[in-house]
Structure formats: structure tokens, C-alpha cells
Amino acid sequence: MAFQPRDLSVLAYANNFTMWHYTTEDASVTTADYFNDAKDMLRVNDLIISNVDTDGTPVSVFYIVTGNDGVDVTVTAYS
């Protein structure tokens, strides 16, 4: 399944930082180019709270946007 913009929503915004929520049936959102369709919204250091694999074994994962060059968006699981 691909990124679905309707499943990405803002939870909080302050001081040039956005906390997002994203829900998906996908088991992982760290694949290359997954969030590229949101490149105009996501900024480096934004936080995405994700509910992934919602149709299998659901888990909540915190991701940080670690790169956005205007074409490719990269996220990394927060640890």
C-alpha cells in the first residue's frame, strides 16, 4: 500500500515544528520515497506518531523526519 495523504494529520504545531499522526495498514513507512507525496508539508525534525500495520499486528511507532530535499523525504524510527 502506498502513502495516503488523507491519513496524515497535524496534532500540534509550534515554533516551526509539527507533530503529526499517521495511520496505515502498511507494516513499515521507512521505505525509500514513502512520504514523498508529503514533501511540501513535512520538515526535518518533525515528529510523526504512526499506527502501522493496522490490519495485521498493529504497533505505534514514533518517526522523525531526518531528510527532505524537496524531492525525497526520509524518516527514521525514534529510538
PDB file of N, CA and C in Angstrom:
ATOM      1  N   MET A   1       0.846  -1.181   0.000  1.00  0.00           N
ATOM      2  CA  MET A   1       0.000   0.000   0.000  1.00  0.00           C
ATOM      3  C   MET A   1       0.885   1.234   0.000  1.00  0.00           C
ATOM      4  N   ALA A   2       0.466   2.260  -0.652  1.00  0.00           N
ATOM      5  CA  ALA A   2       1.232   3.498  -0.748  1.00  0.00           C
ATOM      6  C   ALA A   2       0.754   4.515   0.279  1.00  0.00           C
ATOM      7  N   PHE A   3       1.548   5.561   0.447  1.00  0.00           N
ATOM      8  CA  PHE A   3       1.204   6.671   1.327  1.00  0.00           C
ATOM      9  C   PHE A   3      -0.160   7.235   0.942  1.00  0.00           C
ATOM     10  N   GLN A   4      -0.995   7.485   1.941  1.00  0.00           N
ATOM     11  CA  GLN A   4      -2.312   8.072   1.745  1.00  0.00           C
ATOM     12  C   GLN A   4      -2.362   9.419   2.463  1.00  0.00           C
ATOM     13  N   PRO A   5      -2.329  10.540   1.732  1.00  0.00           N
ATOM     14  CA  PRO A   5      -2.313  11.860   2.369  1.00  0.00           C
ATOM     15  C   PRO A   5      -3.462  12.077   3.354  1.00  0.00           C
ATOM     16  N   ARG A   6      -4.613  11.492   3.097  1.00  0.00           N
ATOM     17  CA  ARG A   6      -5.765  11.694   3.994  1.00  0.00           C
ATOM     18  C   ARG A   6      -5.540  11.092   5.374  1.00  0.00           C
ATOM     19  N   ASP A   7      -4.555  10.196   5.506  1.00  0.00           N
ATOM     20  CA  ASP A   7      -4.279   9.546   6.784  1.00  0.00           C
ATOM     21  C   ASP A   7      -3.183  10.247   7.594  1.00  0.00           C
ATOM     22  N   LEU A   8      -2.695  11.376   7.090  1.00  0.00           N
ATOM     23  CA  LEU A   8      -1.693  12.178   7.792  1.00  0.00           C
ATOM     24  C   LEU A   8      -2.375  13.432   8.314  1.00  0.00           C
ATOM     25  N   SER A   9      -2.300  13.654   9.622  1.00  0.00           N
ATOM     26  CA  SER A   9      -2.956  14.827  10.197  1.00  0.00           C
ATOM     27  C   SER A   9      -2.068  15.491  11.233  1.00  0.00           C
ATOM     28  N   VAL A  10      -2.250  16.790  11.385  1.00  0.00           N
ATOM     29  CA  VAL A  10      -1.483  17.579  12.350  1.00  0.00           C
ATOM     30  C   VAL A  10      -2.069  17.406  13.741  1.00  0.00           C
ATOM     31  N   LEU A  11      -1.196  17.100  14.698  1.00  0.00           N
ATOM     32  CA  LEU A  11      -1.611  17.049  16.101  1.00  0.00           C
ATOM     33  C   LEU A  11      -1.279  18.355  16.813  1.00  0.00           C
ATOM     34  N   ALA A  12      -0.110  18.925  16.485  1.00  0.00           N
ATOM     35  CA  ALA A  12       0.318  20.171  17.125  1.00  0.00           C
ATOM     36  C   ALA A  12       1.339  20.867  16.238  1.00  0.00           C
ATOM     37  N   TYR A  13       1.328  22.197  16.311  1.00  0.00           N
ATOM     38  CA  TYR A  13       2.303  22.995  15.574  1.00  0.00           C
ATOM     39  C   TYR A  13       2.740  24.149  16.458  1.00  0.00           C
ATOM     40  N   ALA A  14       4.050  24.347  16.571  1.00  0.00           N
ATOM     41  CA  ALA A  14       4.578  25.475  17.335  1.00  0.00           C
ATOM     42  C   ALA A  14       6.047  25.685  16.972  1.00  0.00           C
ATOM     43  N   ASN A  15       6.446  26.931  16.864  1.00  0.00           N
ATOM     44  CA  ASN A  15       7.856  27.287  16.676  1.00  0.00           C
ATOM     45  C   ASN A  15       8.524  26.528  15.535  1.00  0.00           C
ATOM     46  N   ASN A  16       7.848  26.460  14.405  1.00  0.00           N
ATOM     47  CA  ASN A  16       8.403  25.818  13.210  1.00  0.00           C
ATOM     48  C   ASN A  16       8.611  24.314  13.380  1.00  0.00           C
ATOM     49  N   PHE A  17       7.795  23.690  14.214  1.00  0.00           N
ATOM     50  CA  PHE A  17       7.834  22.247  14.458  1.00  0.00           C
ATOM     51  C   PHE A  17       6.407  21.715  14.374  1.00  0.00           C
ATOM     52  N   THR A  18       6.238  20.572  13.726  1.00  0.00           N
ATOM     53  CA  THR A  18       4.914  19.963  13.634  1.00  0.00           C
ATOM     54  C   THR A  18       4.965  18.533  14.155  1.00  0.00           C
ATOM     55  N   MET A  19       3.969  18.184  14.959  1.00  0.00           N
ATOM     56  CA  MET A  19       3.784  16.811  15.394  1.00  0.00           C
ATOM     57  C   MET A  19       2.602  16.262  14.600  1.00  0.00           C
ATOM     58  N   TRP A  20       2.846  15.151  13.931  1.00  0.00           N
ATOM     59  CA  TRP A  20       1.870  14.554  13.037  1.00  0.00           C
ATOM     60  C   TRP A  20       1.363  13.219  13.576  1.00  0.00           C
ATOM     61  N   HIS A  21       0.214  12.792  13.071  1.00  0.00           N
ATOM     62  CA  HIS A  21      -0.261  11.433  13.298  1.00  0.00           C
ATOM     63  C   HIS A  21      -0.502  10.823  11.927  1.00  0.00           C
ATOM     64  N   TYR A  22      -0.094   9.547  11.769  1.00  0.00           N
ATOM     65  CA  TYR A  22      -0.318   8.833  10.520  1.00  0.00           C
ATOM     66  C   TYR A  22      -0.757   7.414  10.837  1.00  0.00           C
ATOM     67  N   THR A  23      -1.757   6.940  10.150  1.00  0.00           N
ATOM     68  CA  THR A  23      -2.228   5.571  10.332  1.00  0.00           C
ATOM     69  C   THR A  23      -2.219   4.860   8.985  1.00  0.00           C
ATOM     70  N   THR A  24      -1.814   3.584   8.997  1.00  0.00           N
ATOM     71  CA  THR A  24      -1.708   2.843   7.751  1.00  0.00           C
ATOM     72  C   THR A  24      -1.768   1.337   7.987  1.00  0.00           C
ATOM     73  N   GLU A  25      -2.180   0.629   6.966  1.00  0.00           N
ATOM     74  CA  GLU A  25      -2.140  -0.828   7.007  1.00  0.00           C
ATOM     75  C   GLU A  25      -0.744  -1.340   6.672  1.00  0.00           C
ATOM     76  N   ASP A  26       0.127  -0.466   6.152  1.00  0.00           N
ATOM     77  CA  ASP A  26       1.496  -0.856   5.822  1.00  0.00           C
ATOM     78  C   ASP A  26       2.258  -1.245   7.083  1.00  0.00           C
ATOM     79  N   ALA A  27       3.135  -2.227   6.956  1.00  0.00           N
ATOM     80  CA  ALA A  27       3.926  -2.687   8.101  1.00  0.00           C
ATOM     81  C   ALA A  27       5.105  -1.754   8.385  1.00  0.00           C
ATOM     82  N   SER A  28       5.534  -1.000   7.394  1.00  0.00           N
ATOM     83  CA  SER A  28       6.662  -0.084   7.581  1.00  0.00           C
ATOM     84  C   SER A  28       6.481   1.149   6.713  1.00  0.00           C
ATOM     85  N   VAL A  29       6.863   2.278   7.225  1.00  0.00           N
ATOM     86  CA  VAL A  29       6.816   3.510   6.435  1.00  0.00           C
ATOM     87  C   VAL A  29       8.213   4.080   6.212  1.00  0.00           C
ATOM     88  N   THR A  30       9.228   3.286   6.523  1.00  0.00           N
ATOM     89  CA  THR A  30      10.606   3.765   6.361  1.00  0.00           C
ATOM     90  C   THR A  30      11.188   3.440   4.993  1.00  0.00           C
ATOM     91  N   THR A  31      10.405   2.829   4.119  1.00  0.00           N
ATOM     92  CA  THR A  31      10.920   2.530   2.787  1.00  0.00           C
ATOM     93  C   THR A  31      11.210   3.830   2.043  1.00  0.00           C
ATOM     94  N   ALA A  32      12.175   3.762   1.154  1.00  0.00           N
ATOM     95  CA  ALA A  32      12.575   4.943   0.385  1.00  0.00           C
ATOM     96  C   ALA A  32      11.369   5.525  -0.346  1.00  0.00           C
ATOM     97  N   ASP A  33      11.235   6.818  -0.266  1.00  0.00           N
ATOM     98  CA  ASP A  33      10.217   7.571  -1.000  1.00  0.00           C
ATOM     99  C   ASP A  33       8.800   7.427  -0.462  1.00  0.00           C
ATOM    100  N   TYR A  34       8.593   6.771   0.667  1.00  0.00           N
ATOM    101  CA  TYR A  34       7.239   6.535   1.164  1.00  0.00           C
ATOM    102  C   TYR A  34       6.473   7.843   1.356  1.00  0.00           C
ATOM    103  N   PHE A  35       7.092   8.845   1.987  1.00  0.00           N
ATOM    104  CA  PHE A  35       6.411  10.104   2.307  1.00  0.00           C
ATOM    105  C   PHE A  35       6.653  11.209   1.275  1.00  0.00           C
ATOM    106  N   ASN A  36       7.169  10.873   0.102  1.00  0.00           N
ATOM    107  CA  ASN A  36       7.494  11.903  -0.887  1.00  0.00           C
ATOM    108  C   ASN A  36       6.291  12.756  -1.290  1.00  0.00           C
ATOM    109  N   ASP A  37       5.108  12.191  -1.303  1.00  0.00           N
ATOM    110  CA  ASP A  37       3.922  12.981  -1.664  1.00  0.00           C
ATOM    111  C   ASP A  37       3.587  14.036  -0.609  1.00  0.00           C
ATOM    112  N   ALA A  38       4.214  13.971   0.553  1.00  0.00           N
ATOM    113  CA  ALA A  38       4.006  14.966   1.610  1.00  0.00           C
ATOM    114  C   ALA A  38       5.210  15.898   1.737  1.00  0.00           C
ATOM    115  N   LYS A  39       6.041  15.931   0.720  1.00  0.00           N
ATOM    116  CA  LYS A  39       7.281  16.719   0.787  1.00  0.00           C
ATOM    117  C   LYS A  39       7.044  18.198   1.041  1.00  0.00           C
ATOM    118  N   ASP A  40       5.888  18.720   0.636  1.00  0.00           N
ATOM    119  CA  ASP A  40       5.596  20.141   0.861  1.00  0.00           C
ATOM    120  C   ASP A  40       5.114  20.432   2.277  1.00  0.00           C
ATOM    121  N   MET A  41       4.819  19.388   3.051  1.00  0.00           N
ATOM    122  CA  MET A  41       4.309  19.569   4.408  1.00  0.00           C
ATOM    123  C   MET A  41       5.332  19.190   5.475  1.00  0.00           C
ATOM    124  N   LEU A  42       6.088  18.141   5.235  1.00  0.00           N
ATOM    125  CA  LEU A  42       6.998  17.612   6.252  1.00  0.00           C
ATOM    126  C   LEU A  42       8.331  18.334   6.229  1.00  0.00           C
ATOM    127  N   ARG A  43       8.817  18.678   7.421  1.00  0.00           N
ATOM    128  CA  ARG A  43      10.117  19.341   7.558  1.00  0.00           C
ATOM    129  C   ARG A  43      11.039  18.495   8.427  1.00  0.00           C
ATOM    130  N   VAL A  44      12.318  18.659   8.212  1.00  0.00           N
ATOM    131  CA  VAL A  44      13.316  17.955   9.018  1.00  0.00           C
ATOM    132  C   VAL A  44      13.062  18.256  10.487  1.00  0.00           C
ATOM    133  N   ASN A  45      13.109  17.222  11.295  1.00  0.00           N
ATOM    134  CA  ASN A  45      12.881  17.225  12.746  1.00  0.00           C
ATOM    135  C   ASN A  45      11.417  17.183  13.144  1.00  0.00           C
ATOM    136  N   ASP A  46      10.487  17.185  12.187  1.00  0.00           N
ATOM    137  CA  ASP A  46       9.086  16.951  12.540  1.00  0.00           C
ATOM    138  C   ASP A  46       8.964  15.539  13.108  1.00  0.00           C
ATOM    139  N   LEU A  47       7.976  15.344  13.954  1.00  0.00           N
ATOM    140  CA  LEU A  47       7.719  14.051  14.586  1.00  0.00           C
ATOM    141  C   LEU A  47       6.423  13.480  14.027  1.00  0.00           C
ATOM    142  N   ILE A  48       6.439  12.200  13.661  1.00  0.00           N
ATOM    143  CA  ILE A  48       5.247  11.520  13.169  1.00  0.00           C
ATOM    144  C   ILE A  48       4.945  10.352  14.098  1.00  0.00           C
ATOM    145  N   ILE A  49       3.815  10.415  14.766  1.00  0.00           N
ATOM    146  CA  ILE A  49       3.354   9.297  15.577  1.00  0.00           C
ATOM    147  C   ILE A  49       2.525   8.423  14.646  1.00  0.00           C
ATOM    148  N   SER A  50       2.960   7.194  14.439  1.00  0.00           N
ATOM    149  CA  SER A  50       2.324   6.337  13.446  1.00  0.00           C
ATOM    150  C   SER A  50       1.712   5.094  14.073  1.00  0.00           C
ATOM    151  N   ASN A  51       0.526   4.773  13.609  1.00  0.00           N
ATOM    152  CA  ASN A  51      -0.080   3.476  13.884  1.00  0.00           C
ATOM    153  C   ASN A  51       0.075   2.686  12.597  1.00  0.00           C
ATOM    154  N   VAL A  52       0.953   1.689  12.620  1.00  0.00           N
ATOM    155  CA  VAL A  52       1.262   0.929  11.405  1.00  0.00           C
ATOM    156  C   VAL A  52       0.736  -0.498  11.515  1.00  0.00           C
ATOM    157  N   ASP A  53       0.589  -1.115  10.366  1.00  0.00           N
ATOM    158  CA  ASP A  53       0.106  -2.493  10.256  1.00  0.00           C
ATOM    159  C   ASP A  53      -1.243  -2.655  10.954  1.00  0.00           C
ATOM    160  N   THR A  54      -2.134  -1.709  10.725  1.00  0.00           N
ATOM    161  CA  THR A  54      -3.421  -1.708  11.435  1.00  0.00           C
ATOM    162  C   THR A  54      -4.334  -2.870  11.061  1.00  0.00           C
ATOM    163  N   ASP A  55      -4.025  -3.555   9.965  1.00  0.00           N
ATOM    164  CA  ASP A  55      -4.843  -4.711   9.600  1.00  0.00           C
ATOM    165  C   ASP A  55      -4.158  -6.043   9.930  1.00  0.00           C
ATOM    166  N   GLY A  56      -3.004  -5.965  10.586  1.00  0.00           N
ATOM    167  CA  GLY A  56      -2.262  -7.169  10.947  1.00  0.00           C
ATOM    168  C   GLY A  56      -1.974  -7.179  12.434  1.00  0.00           C
ATOM    169  N   THR A  57      -0.722  -6.869  12.769  1.00  0.00           N
ATOM    170  CA  THR A  57      -0.303  -6.749  14.160  1.00  0.00           C
ATOM    171  C   THR A  57       0.021  -5.281  14.413  1.00  0.00           C
ATOM    172  N   PRO A  58      -0.966  -4.490  14.810  1.00  0.00           N
ATOM    173  CA  PRO A  58      -0.769  -3.047  14.938  1.00  0.00           C
ATOM    174  C   PRO A  58       0.271  -2.679  15.994  1.00  0.00           C
ATOM    175  N   VAL A  59       1.071  -1.677  15.659  1.00  0.00           N
ATOM    176  CA  VAL A  59       2.024  -1.103  16.602  1.00  0.00           C
ATOM    177  C   VAL A  59       2.036   0.403  16.407  1.00  0.00           C
ATOM    178  N   SER A  60       2.451   1.104  17.438  1.00  0.00           N
ATOM    179  CA  SER A  60       2.655   2.549  17.349  1.00  0.00           C
ATOM    180  C   SER A  60       4.150   2.804  17.320  1.00  0.00           C
ATOM    181  N   VAL A  61       4.566   3.624  16.372  1.00  0.00           N
ATOM    182  CA  VAL A  61       5.985   3.931  16.185  1.00  0.00           C
ATOM    183  C   VAL A  61       6.137   5.439  16.031  1.00  0.00           C
ATOM    184  N   PHE A  62       7.148   5.990  16.686  1.00  0.00           N
ATOM    185  CA  PHE A  62       7.465   7.392  16.534  1.00  0.00           C
ATOM    186  C   PHE A  62       8.556   7.510  15.472  1.00  0.00           C
ATOM    187  N   TYR A  63       8.326   8.363  14.479  1.00  0.00           N
ATOM    188  CA  TYR A  63       9.316   8.605  13.430  1.00  0.00           C
ATOM    189  C   TYR A  63       9.724  10.063  13.444  1.00  0.00           C
ATOM    190  N   ILE A  64      10.968  10.311  13.096  1.00  0.00           N
ATOM    191  CA  ILE A  64      11.484  11.664  12.932  1.00  0.00           C
ATOM    192  C   ILE A  64      11.798  11.862  11.462  1.00  0.00           C
ATOM    193  N   VAL A  65      11.401  13.008  10.926  1.00  0.00           N
ATOM    194  CA  VAL A  65      11.771  13.339   9.556  1.00  0.00           C
ATOM    195  C   VAL A  65      13.245  13.744   9.586  1.00  0.00           C
ATOM    196  N   THR A  66      14.078  12.938   8.959  1.00  0.00           N
ATOM    197  CA  THR A  66      15.529  13.183   9.003  1.00  0.00           C
ATOM    198  C   THR A  66      16.056  13.813   7.724  1.00  0.00           C
ATOM    199  N   GLY A  67      15.233  13.865   6.691  1.00  0.00           N
ATOM    200  CA  GLY A  67      15.670  14.493   5.457  1.00  0.00           C
ATOM    201  C   GLY A  67      14.504  14.888   4.587  1.00  0.00           C
ATOM    202  N   ASN A  68      14.632  16.035   3.935  1.00  0.00           N
ATOM    203  CA  ASN A  68      13.654  16.489   2.951  1.00  0.00           C
ATOM    204  C   ASN A  68      14.352  17.501   2.062  1.00  0.00           C
ATOM    205  N   ASP A  69      14.704  17.061   0.860  1.00  0.00           N
ATOM    206  CA  ASP A  69      15.414  17.948  -0.066  1.00  0.00           C
ATOM    207  C   ASP A  69      14.469  18.549  -1.107  1.00  0.00           C
ATOM    208  N   GLY A  70      13.167  18.457  -0.844  1.00  0.00           N
ATOM    209  CA  GLY A  70      12.185  18.967  -1.772  1.00  0.00           C
ATOM    210  C   GLY A  70      11.744  17.942  -2.803  1.00  0.00           C
ATOM    211  N   VAL A  71      12.402  16.801  -2.811  1.00  0.00           N
ATOM    212  CA  VAL A  71      12.047  15.702  -3.713  1.00  0.00           C
ATOM    213  C   VAL A  71      11.846  14.428  -2.899  1.00  0.00           C
ATOM    214  N   ASP A  72      12.825  14.091  -2.070  1.00  0.00           N
ATOM    215  CA  ASP A  72      12.790  12.867  -1.277  1.00  0.00           C
ATOM    216  C   ASP A  72      12.666  13.186   0.208  1.00  0.00           C
ATOM    217  N   VAL A  73      11.744  12.494   0.871  1.00  0.00           N
ATOM    218  CA  VAL A  73      11.562  12.623   2.317  1.00  0.00           C
ATOM    219  C   VAL A  73      12.066  11.343   2.973  1.00  0.00           C
ATOM    220  N   THR A  74      12.875  11.490   4.005  1.00  0.00           N
ATOM    221  CA  THR A  74      13.413  10.353   4.744  1.00  0.00           C
ATOM    222  C   THR A  74      12.937  10.430   6.185  1.00  0.00           C
ATOM    223  N   VAL A  75      12.468   9.299   6.716  1.00  0.00           N
ATOM    224  CA  VAL A  75      12.101   9.208   8.121  1.00  0.00           C
ATOM    225  C   VAL A  75      12.871   8.094   8.777  1.00  0.00           C
ATOM    226  N   THR A  76      13.102   8.239  10.085  1.00  0.00           N
ATOM    227  CA  THR A  76      13.818   7.245  10.861  1.00  0.00           C
ATOM    228  C   THR A  76      13.035   6.994  12.135  1.00  0.00           C
ATOM    229  N   ALA A  77      12.928   5.733  12.511  1.00  0.00           N
ATOM    230  CA  ALA A  77      12.238   5.395  13.764  1.00  0.00           C
ATOM    231  C   ALA A  77      13.006   5.991  14.932  1.00  0.00           C
ATOM    232  N   TYR A  78      12.272   6.622  15.843  1.00  0.00           N
ATOM    233  CA  TYR A  78      12.878   7.202  17.037  1.00  0.00           C
ATOM    234  C   TYR A  78      13.224   6.085  17.996  1.00  0.00           C
ATOM    235  N   SER A  79      14.441   6.152  18.522  1.00  0.00           N
ATOM    236  CA  SER A  79      14.834   5.120  19.483  1.00  0.00           C
ATOM    237  C   SER A  79      15.449   5.742  20.714  1.00  0.00           C
TER     238      SER A  79
END
